[in-house]
C-alpha cells in the first residue's frame, strides 16, 4: 500500500492518495472549493477557472492554480480564500456570466461565495433621454436614475406617469414599451411599470387614443397650441 501524501489546506493538515488533485482531496475532507466544469467521471479541463487556489511558496511569489488539475505533493500548502484567490474567483465568475448572463446557477453560486458580479446587460445605455424629456418637456418627473447594489439604472417614480409615451418614442434601444390593452395603457421599462392608466375615447370616432392624465396635461399646458383646448377630446385623425 502506497503511503498517503500530507498537504495543508487553509492551515489544516489532510492526507490524500498519490495522483489525487487538490480539489479531490478537498472534497473528500469536506473543504469547499467552487467549481462548475469538474465531474468525477471525466478528465479535468480547468475550463470554468472557478476552482483556483493559492499555492503558498515560502520566499517565492504566490500563484493561483486550478485545484481540479493541480496534483497533491508532500507538504503542499494551499489557501482557498485569500485576497489573491478572491480576485481570481471574481474575474472567473464575471467571465462566465458574460457568456451566460441569465444563468441562475452561476449567479447563485457567485452569491453563495460572496462574489459581487457585474449585473447582466439590461438593454439600457444610460443615455437619460427618457428622464430628460420627462423632466424638461413633459414635466411629469416619472423617471429617475438610481444607484444601489443592483448598479445604476432608470426606475419609475410611482404615480407620476401621464401615459404620453414620449419616453418610449425617444428610447434608442426600445427598452421602454407602450401597450394598449383592454382600455388601459401600460408604459414599462423592462419589468418595471412606469404607468398604467385608463384610455379615453375620441369624441369623434370612438377610438381609444389617450389617457385622461395626458389630456388634462395638454389642456393645462401653457405650451399648447391655441386650438388644443377646443379639440383636446379628438384623436389626431379627427382633428385633421
C-alpha atoms as a PDB file:
ATOM      1  CA  UNK A   1       0.000   0.000   0.000  1.00  0.00           C
ATOM      2  CA  UNK A   2       1.376   3.372  -1.028  1.00  0.00           C
ATOM      3  CA  UNK A   3       1.896   5.960   1.712  1.00  0.00           C
ATOM      4  CA  UNK A   4      -0.560   8.865   1.923  1.00  0.00           C
ATOM      5  CA  UNK A   5       0.602  12.341   0.949  1.00  0.00           C
ATOM      6  CA  UNK A   6       0.333  15.097   3.511  1.00  0.00           C
ATOM      7  CA  UNK A   7      -0.835  18.554   2.396  1.00  0.00           C
ATOM      8  CA  UNK A   8      -2.142  21.665   4.135  1.00  0.00           C
ATOM      9  CA  UNK A   9      -5.328  23.460   3.087  1.00  0.00           C
ATOM     10  CA  UNK A  10      -6.014  26.732   4.908  1.00  0.00           C
ATOM     11  CA  UNK A  11      -3.655  25.546   7.647  1.00  0.00           C
ATOM     12  CA  UNK A  12      -5.464  22.245   8.077  1.00  0.00           C
ATOM     13  CA  UNK A  13      -3.389  19.105   7.616  1.00  0.00           C
ATOM     14  CA  UNK A  14      -5.033  16.451   5.485  1.00  0.00           C
ATOM     15  CA  UNK A  15      -3.878  13.287   3.782  1.00  0.00           C
ATOM     16  CA  UNK A  16      -4.538  12.285   0.189  1.00  0.00           C
ATOM     17  CA  UNK A  17      -3.693   9.412  -2.085  1.00  0.00           C
ATOM     18  CA  UNK A  18      -0.986   9.814  -4.698  1.00  0.00           C
ATOM     19  CA  UNK A  19      -2.130  11.296  -8.052  1.00  0.00           C
ATOM     20  CA  UNK A  20      -5.162  12.876  -6.476  1.00  0.00           C
ATOM     21  CA  UNK A  21      -5.891  16.502  -7.280  1.00  0.00           C
ATOM     22  CA  UNK A  22      -6.191  19.210  -4.656  1.00  0.00           C
ATOM     23  CA  UNK A  23      -9.895  19.551  -5.489  1.00  0.00           C
ATOM     24  CA  UNK A  24     -10.464  15.826  -4.942  1.00  0.00           C
ATOM     25  CA  UNK A  25      -8.571  15.940  -1.663  1.00  0.00           C
ATOM     26  CA  UNK A  26     -10.527  18.988  -0.518  1.00  0.00           C
ATOM     27  CA  UNK A  27     -13.907  17.450  -1.409  1.00  0.00           C
ATOM     28  CA  UNK A  28     -13.047  14.223   0.396  1.00  0.00           C
ATOM     29  CA  UNK A  29     -12.261  16.200   3.532  1.00  0.00           C
ATOM     30  CA  UNK A  30     -15.286  18.471   3.417  1.00  0.00           C
ATOM     31  CA  UNK A  31     -13.390  21.554   2.254  1.00  0.00           C
ATOM     32  CA  UNK A  32     -15.462  23.519  -0.241  1.00  0.00           C
ATOM     33  CA  UNK A  33     -13.961  24.989  -3.394  1.00  0.00           C
ATOM     34  CA  UNK A  34     -16.320  26.359  -6.072  1.00  0.00           C
ATOM     35  CA  UNK A  35     -16.370  24.590  -9.428  1.00  0.00           C
ATOM     36  CA  UNK A  36     -18.651  24.035 -12.408  1.00  0.00           C
ATOM     37  CA  UNK A  37     -16.766  22.089 -15.073  1.00  0.00           C
ATOM     38  CA  UNK A  38     -15.415  19.312 -12.820  1.00  0.00           C
ATOM     39  CA  UNK A  39     -17.012  15.863 -12.946  1.00  0.00           C
ATOM     40  CA  UNK A  40     -15.542  12.790 -11.192  1.00  0.00           C
ATOM     41  CA  UNK A  41     -16.185  10.588 -14.251  1.00  0.00           C
ATOM     42  CA  UNK A  42     -14.277  12.874 -16.631  1.00  0.00           C
ATOM     43  CA  UNK A  43     -10.717  14.099 -17.032  1.00  0.00           C
ATOM     44  CA  UNK A  44     -10.375  17.631 -15.596  1.00  0.00           C
ATOM     45  CA  UNK A  45     -10.192  20.513 -18.065  1.00  0.00           C
ATOM     46  CA  UNK A  46      -9.989  23.627 -15.891  1.00  0.00           C
ATOM     47  CA  UNK A  47     -12.388  25.389 -18.258  1.00  0.00           C
ATOM     48  CA  UNK A  48     -14.501  27.348 -15.779  1.00  0.00           C
ATOM     49  CA  UNK A  49     -11.497  28.584 -13.758  1.00  0.00           C
ATOM     50  CA  UNK A  50     -13.613  28.817 -10.593  1.00  0.00           C
ATOM     51  CA  UNK A  51     -11.585  26.300  -8.584  1.00  0.00           C
ATOM     52  CA  UNK A  52      -8.482  28.479  -8.374  1.00  0.00           C
ATOM     53  CA  UNK A  53      -6.450  28.229  -5.146  1.00  0.00           C
ATOM     54  CA  UNK A  54      -3.308  29.976  -3.958  1.00  0.00           C
ATOM     55  CA  UNK A  55      -0.175  27.852  -3.730  1.00  0.00           C
ATOM     56  CA  UNK A  56       1.962  29.089  -0.844  1.00  0.00           C
ATOM     57  CA  UNK A  57       5.623  29.216  -1.782  1.00  0.00           C
ATOM     58  CA  UNK A  58       7.895  30.382   1.069  1.00  0.00           C
ATOM     59  CA  UNK A  59      10.189  33.064  -0.291  1.00  0.00           C
ATOM     60  CA  UNK A  60       8.521  32.880  -3.690  1.00  0.00           C
ATOM     61  CA  UNK A  61       5.723  34.744  -5.425  1.00  0.00           C
ATOM     62  CA  UNK A  62       2.233  33.445  -4.546  1.00  0.00           C
ATOM     63  CA  UNK A  63       0.433  31.976  -7.530  1.00  0.00           C
ATOM     64  CA  UNK A  64      -3.121  30.850  -8.268  1.00  0.00           C
ATOM     65  CA  UNK A  65      -3.505  27.388  -9.754  1.00  0.00           C
ATOM     66  CA  UNK A  66      -6.589  25.373 -10.665  1.00  0.00           C
ATOM     67  CA  UNK A  67      -7.284  22.799  -7.973  1.00  0.00           C
ATOM     68  CA  UNK A  68      -9.029  20.423 -10.376  1.00  0.00           C
ATOM     69  CA  UNK A  69      -5.726  19.977 -12.228  1.00  0.00           C
ATOM     70  CA  UNK A  70      -3.139  20.577  -9.506  1.00  0.00           C
ATOM     71  CA  UNK A  71      -1.866  17.250  -8.109  1.00  0.00           C
ATOM     72  CA  UNK A  72      -1.109  16.824  -4.444  1.00  0.00           C
ATOM     73  CA  UNK A  73       2.501  16.636  -3.330  1.00  0.00           C
ATOM     74  CA  UNK A  74       4.146  16.309   0.050  1.00  0.00           C
ATOM     75  CA  UNK A  75       3.754  19.381   2.299  1.00  0.00           C
ATOM     76  CA  UNK A  76       1.931  21.379  -0.365  1.00  0.00           C
ATOM     77  CA  UNK A  77       0.330  24.465   1.214  1.00  0.00           C
ATOM     78  CA  UNK A  78      -2.916  25.769  -0.211  1.00  0.00           C
ATOM     79  CA  UNK A  79      -5.140  28.764   0.539  1.00  0.00           C
ATOM     80  CA  UNK A  80      -8.703  28.642  -0.727  1.00  0.00           C
ATOM     81  CA  UNK A  81      -9.940  32.142   0.151  1.00  0.00           C
ATOM     82  CA  UNK A  82      -7.001  34.549   0.138  1.00  0.00           C
ATOM     83  CA  UNK A  83      -7.279  38.013  -1.444  1.00  0.00           C
ATOM     84  CA  UNK A  84      -5.476  36.671  -4.500  1.00  0.00           C
ATOM     85  CA  UNK A  85      -7.973  33.803  -4.801  1.00  0.00           C
ATOM     86  CA  UNK A  86     -10.958  36.108  -4.289  1.00  0.00           C
ATOM     87  CA  UNK A  87      -9.775  38.396  -7.107  1.00  0.00           C
ATOM     88  CA  UNK A  88      -9.248  35.388  -9.391  1.00  0.00           C
ATOM     89  CA  UNK A  89     -12.655  33.977  -8.490  1.00  0.00           C
ATOM     90  CA  UNK A  90     -14.465  37.261  -9.187  1.00  0.00           C
ATOM     91  CA  UNK A  91     -12.814  37.528 -12.584  1.00  0.00           C
ATOM     92  CA  UNK A  92     -13.773  33.929 -13.387  1.00  0.00           C
ATOM     93  CA  UNK A  93     -17.412  34.432 -12.353  1.00  0.00           C
ATOM     94  CA  UNK A  94     -17.728  37.615 -14.413  1.00  0.00           C
ATOM     95  CA  UNK A  95     -16.206  35.953 -17.468  1.00  0.00           C
ATOM     96  CA  UNK A  96     -18.691  33.081 -17.221  1.00  0.00           C
ATOM     97  CA  UNK A  97     -21.597  35.487 -16.846  1.00  0.00           C
ATOM     98  CA  UNK A  98     -20.515  37.454 -19.905  1.00  0.00           C
ATOM     99  CA  UNK A  99     -21.117  34.271 -21.865  1.00  0.00           C
ATOM    100  CA  UNK A 100     -24.245  33.201 -19.974  1.00  0.00           C
ATOM    101  CA  UNK A 101     -25.730  36.339 -18.355  1.00  0.00           C
ATOM    102  CA  UNK A 102     -29.040  34.687 -17.458  1.00  0.00           C
ATOM    103  CA  UNK A 103     -27.556  31.537 -15.908  1.00  0.00           C
ATOM    104  CA  UNK A 104     -29.190  31.410 -12.475  1.00  0.00           C
ATOM    105  CA  UNK A 105     -26.931  28.586 -11.317  1.00  0.00           C
ATOM    106  CA  UNK A 106     -23.794  30.666 -11.883  1.00  0.00           C
ATOM    107  CA  UNK A 107     -25.286  33.774 -10.276  1.00  0.00           C
ATOM    108  CA  UNK A 108     -26.477  31.791  -7.262  1.00  0.00           C
ATOM    109  CA  UNK A 109     -23.045  30.214  -6.886  1.00  0.00           C
ATOM    110  CA  UNK A 110     -21.414  33.652  -7.067  1.00  0.00           C
ATOM    111  CA  UNK A 111     -23.756  34.951  -4.364  1.00  0.00           C
ATOM    112  CA  UNK A 112     -23.043  31.890  -2.255  1.00  0.00           C
ATOM    113  CA  UNK A 113     -19.339  32.695  -2.407  1.00  0.00           C
ATOM    114  CA  UNK A 114     -19.839  36.374  -1.690  1.00  0.00           C
ATOM    115  CA  UNK A 115     -18.751  37.483  -5.153  1.00  0.00           C
ATOM    116  CA  UNK A 116     -20.359  40.716  -6.351  1.00  0.00           C
ATOM    117  CA  UNK A 117     -20.638  40.102 -10.068  1.00  0.00           C
ATOM    118  CA  UNK A 118     -21.318  42.616 -12.825  1.00  0.00           C
ATOM    119  CA  UNK A 119     -25.071  42.862 -13.465  1.00  0.00           C
ATOM    120  CA  UNK A 120     -26.232  41.332 -16.744  1.00  0.00           C
ATOM    121  CA  UNK A 121     -26.880  43.686 -19.666  1.00  0.00           C
ATOM    122  CA  UNK A 122     -30.401  45.099 -19.402  1.00  0.00           C
ATOM    123  CA  UNK A 123     -30.677  46.842 -22.759  1.00  0.00           C
ATOM    124  CA  UNK A 124     -30.386  50.369 -21.319  1.00  0.00           C
ATOM    125  CA  UNK A 125     -27.447  52.527 -22.463  1.00  0.00           C
ATOM    126  CA  UNK A 126     -27.998  55.126 -19.702  1.00  0.00           C
ATOM    127  CA  UNK A 127     -28.420  57.985 -22.190  1.00  0.00           C
ATOM    128  CA  UNK A 128     -31.045  59.552 -19.891  1.00  0.00           C
ATOM    129  CA  UNK A 129     -33.155  60.715 -22.842  1.00  0.00           C
ATOM    130  CA  UNK A 130     -36.287  59.343 -21.167  1.00  0.00           C
ATOM    131  CA  UNK A 131     -35.549  61.104 -17.882  1.00  0.00           C
ATOM    132  CA  UNK A 132     -34.626  64.374 -19.569  1.00  0.00           C
ATOM    133  CA  UNK A 133     -37.685  64.591 -21.788  1.00  0.00           C
ATOM    134  CA  UNK A 134     -39.998  63.635 -18.938  1.00  0.00           C
ATOM    135  CA  UNK A 135     -38.437  66.280 -16.687  1.00  0.00           C
ATOM    136  CA  UNK A 136     -37.755  69.072 -19.159  1.00  0.00           C
ATOM    137  CA  UNK A 137     -40.598  68.848 -21.670  1.00  0.00           C
ATOM    138  CA  UNK A 138     -43.418  66.729 -20.242  1.00  0.00           C
ATOM    139  CA  UNK A 139     -42.556  67.863 -16.696  1.00  0.00           C
ATOM    140  CA  UNK A 140     -44.052  64.775 -15.097  1.00  0.00           C
ATOM    141  CA  UNK A 141     -40.792  63.589 -13.488  1.00  0.00           C
ATOM    142  CA  UNK A 142     -41.948  59.987 -13.818  1.00  0.00           C
ATOM    143  CA  UNK A 143     -38.440  58.554 -14.238  1.00  0.00           C
ATOM    144  CA  UNK A 144     -35.199  58.872 -12.323  1.00  0.00           C
ATOM    145  CA  UNK A 145     -31.724  57.353 -12.217  1.00  0.00           C
ATOM    146  CA  UNK A 146     -30.708  55.466  -9.069  1.00  0.00           C
ATOM    147  CA  UNK A 147     -27.525  53.728  -7.973  1.00  0.00           C
ATOM    148  CA  UNK A 148     -27.698  50.862  -5.495  1.00  0.00           C
ATOM    149  CA  UNK A 149     -26.478  47.293  -5.061  1.00  0.00           C
ATOM    150  CA  UNK A 150     -28.003  46.454  -8.460  1.00  0.00           C
ATOM    151  CA  UNK A 151     -25.971  49.158 -10.214  1.00  0.00           C
ATOM    152  CA  UNK A 152     -27.036  52.375 -11.921  1.00  0.00           C
ATOM    153  CA  UNK A 153     -30.385  52.172 -13.681  1.00  0.00           C
ATOM    154  CA  UNK A 154     -33.551  54.010 -14.663  1.00  0.00           C
ATOM    155  CA  UNK A 155     -36.533  53.425 -12.372  1.00  0.00           C
ATOM    156  CA  UNK A 156     -40.094  54.826 -12.316  1.00  0.00           C
ATOM    157  CA  UNK A 157     -41.341  57.396  -9.824  1.00  0.00           C
ATOM    158  CA  UNK A 158     -44.682  55.905  -8.684  1.00  0.00           C
ATOM    159  CA  UNK A 159     -47.823  57.832  -9.592  1.00  0.00           C
ATOM    160  CA  UNK A 160     -46.142  60.425 -11.829  1.00  0.00           C
ATOM    161  CA  UNK A 161     -46.596  58.969 -15.337  1.00  0.00           C
ATOM    162  CA  UNK A 162     -49.320  60.543 -17.500  1.00  0.00           C
ATOM    163  CA  UNK A 163     -49.085  57.891 -20.209  1.00  0.00           C
ATOM    164  CA  UNK A 164     -47.977  60.204 -23.018  1.00  0.00           C
ATOM    165  CA  UNK A 165     -45.447  57.695 -24.378  1.00  0.00           C
ATOM    166  CA  UNK A 166     -42.779  60.290 -25.163  1.00  0.00           C
ATOM    167  CA  UNK A 167     -40.116  58.311 -23.293  1.00  0.00           C
ATOM    168  CA  UNK A 168     -40.867  55.193 -25.341  1.00  0.00           C
ATOM    169  CA  UNK A 169     -40.746  57.137 -28.599  1.00  0.00           C
ATOM    170  CA  UNK A 170     -37.316  58.531 -27.743  1.00  0.00           C
ATOM    171  CA  UNK A 171     -35.733  55.406 -26.222  1.00  0.00           C
ATOM    172  CA  UNK A 172     -32.955  54.418 -28.688  1.00  0.00           C
ATOM    173  CA  UNK A 173     -32.899  50.752 -27.646  1.00  0.00           C
ATOM    174  CA  UNK A 174     -36.634  50.111 -27.407  1.00  0.00           C
ATOM    175  CA  UNK A 175     -36.399  49.086 -23.759  1.00  0.00           C
ATOM    176  CA  UNK A 176     -39.321  51.346 -22.818  1.00  0.00           C
ATOM    177  CA  UNK A 177     -42.562  49.976 -24.235  1.00  0.00           C
ATOM    178  CA  UNK A 178     -46.199  51.058 -24.543  1.00  0.00           C
ATOM    179  CA  UNK A 179     -49.007  48.515 -24.570  1.00  0.00           C
ATOM    180  CA  UNK A 180     -52.664  49.446 -25.026  1.00  0.00           C
ATOM    181  CA  UNK A 181     -54.936  46.586 -23.997  1.00  0.00           C
ATOM    182  CA  UNK A 182     -58.483  46.346 -22.660  1.00  0.00           C
ATOM    183  CA  UNK A 183     -58.786  50.099 -22.441  1.00  0.00           C
ATOM    184  CA  UNK A 184     -55.615  50.533 -20.397  1.00  0.00           C
ATOM    185  CA  UNK A 185     -52.247  51.931 -21.447  1.00  0.00           C
ATOM    186  CA  UNK A 186     -49.220  50.379 -19.757  1.00  0.00           C
ATOM    187  CA  UNK A 187     -45.842  52.085 -20.046  1.00  0.00           C
ATOM    188  CA  UNK A 188     -42.970  49.926 -18.803  1.00  0.00           C
ATOM    189  CA  UNK A 189     -39.201  49.756 -18.729  1.00  0.00           C
ATOM    190  CA  UNK A 190     -38.077  46.142 -18.755  1.00  0.00           C
ATOM    191  CA  UNK A 191     -40.104  44.551 -15.906  1.00  0.00           C
ATOM    192  CA  UNK A 192     -40.930  47.812 -14.091  1.00  0.00           C
ATOM    193  CA  UNK A 193     -44.259  49.525 -14.777  1.00  0.00           C
ATOM    194  CA  UNK A 194     -43.820  53.278 -15.209  1.00  0.00           C
ATOM    195  CA  UNK A 195     -47.526  53.964 -15.531  1.00  0.00           C
ATOM    196  CA  UNK A 196     -50.792  52.091 -16.011  1.00  0.00           C
ATOM    197  CA  UNK A 197     -53.682  54.368 -16.917  1.00  0.00           C
ATOM    198  CA  UNK A 198     -57.160  54.053 -18.497  1.00  0.00           C
ATOM    199  CA  UNK A 199     -57.585  55.292 -22.059  1.00  0.00           C
ATOM    200  CA  UNK A 200     -60.188  57.856 -23.134  1.00  0.00           C
ATOM    201  CA  UNK A 201     -62.307  57.552 -26.285  1.00  0.00           C
ATOM    202  CA  UNK A 202     -62.225  60.058 -29.095  1.00  0.00           C
ATOM    203  CA  UNK A 203     -65.494  62.039 -29.161  1.00  0.00           C
ATOM    204  CA  UNK A 204     -65.437  61.887 -32.941  1.00  0.00           C
ATOM    205  CA  UNK A 205     -64.753  58.251 -33.876  1.00  0.00           C
ATOM    206  CA  UNK A 206     -64.840  56.450 -30.533  1.00  0.00           C
ATOM    207  CA  UNK A 207     -61.266  55.189 -30.761  1.00  0.00           C
ATOM    208  CA  UNK A 208     -59.357  54.718 -27.524  1.00  0.00           C
ATOM    209  CA  UNK A 209     -56.432  57.037 -28.086  1.00  0.00           C
ATOM    210  CA  UNK A 210     -55.041  58.822 -24.995  1.00  0.00           C
ATOM    211  CA  UNK A 211     -55.069  58.745 -21.213  1.00  0.00           C
ATOM    212  CA  UNK A 212     -57.139  61.150 -19.153  1.00  0.00           C
ATOM    213  CA  UNK A 213     -53.994  62.331 -17.385  1.00  0.00           C
ATOM    214  CA  UNK A 214     -52.318  63.150 -20.686  1.00  0.00           C
ATOM    215  CA  UNK A 215     -55.373  65.013 -21.997  1.00  0.00           C
ATOM    216  CA  UNK A 216     -55.554  67.028 -18.785  1.00  0.00           C
ATOM    217  CA  UNK A 217     -51.849  67.776 -19.096  1.00  0.00           C
ATOM    218  CA  UNK A 218     -52.321  69.032 -22.664  1.00  0.00           C
ATOM    219  CA  UNK A 219     -55.326  71.132 -21.669  1.00  0.00           C
ATOM    220  CA  UNK A 220     -53.431  72.815 -18.868  1.00  0.00           C
ATOM    221  CA  UNK A 221     -50.127  73.206 -20.654  1.00  0.00           C
ATOM    222  CA  UNK A 222     -49.053  76.741 -21.344  1.00  0.00           C
ATOM    223  CA  UNK A 223     -47.148  75.461 -24.361  1.00  0.00           C
ATOM    224  CA  UNK A 224     -50.247  74.001 -26.039  1.00  0.00           C
ATOM    225  CA  UNK A 225     -51.376  75.189 -29.446  1.00  0.00           C
ATOM    226  CA  UNK A 226     -54.271  77.677 -29.255  1.00  0.00           C
ATOM    227  CA  UNK A 227     -56.678  75.121 -30.838  1.00  0.00           C
ATOM    228  CA  UNK A 228     -55.716  72.364 -28.396  1.00  0.00           C
ATOM    229  CA  UNK A 229     -58.317  73.194 -25.771  1.00  0.00           C
ATOM    230  CA  UNK A 230     -61.074  73.152 -28.312  1.00  0.00           C
ATOM    231  CA  UNK A 231     -60.089  69.815 -29.824  1.00  0.00           C
ATOM    232  CA  UNK A 232     -58.419  68.008 -26.952  1.00  0.00           C
ATOM    233  CA  UNK A 233     -61.057  65.237 -26.870  1.00  0.00           C
ATOM    234  CA  UNK A 234     -60.493  64.321 -30.520  1.00  0.00           C
ATOM    235  CA  UNK A 235     -57.888  61.878 -31.761  1.00  0.00           C
ATOM    236  CA  UNK A 236     -55.246  63.121 -34.244  1.00  0.00           C
ATOM    237  CA  UNK A 237     -57.198  61.667 -37.185  1.00  0.00           C
ATOM    238  CA  UNK A 238     -60.411  63.504 -36.267  1.00  0.00           C
ATOM    239  CA  UNK A 239     -58.643  66.805 -35.636  1.00  0.00           C
ATOM    240  CA  UNK A 240     -57.385  66.885 -39.245  1.00  0.00           C
END
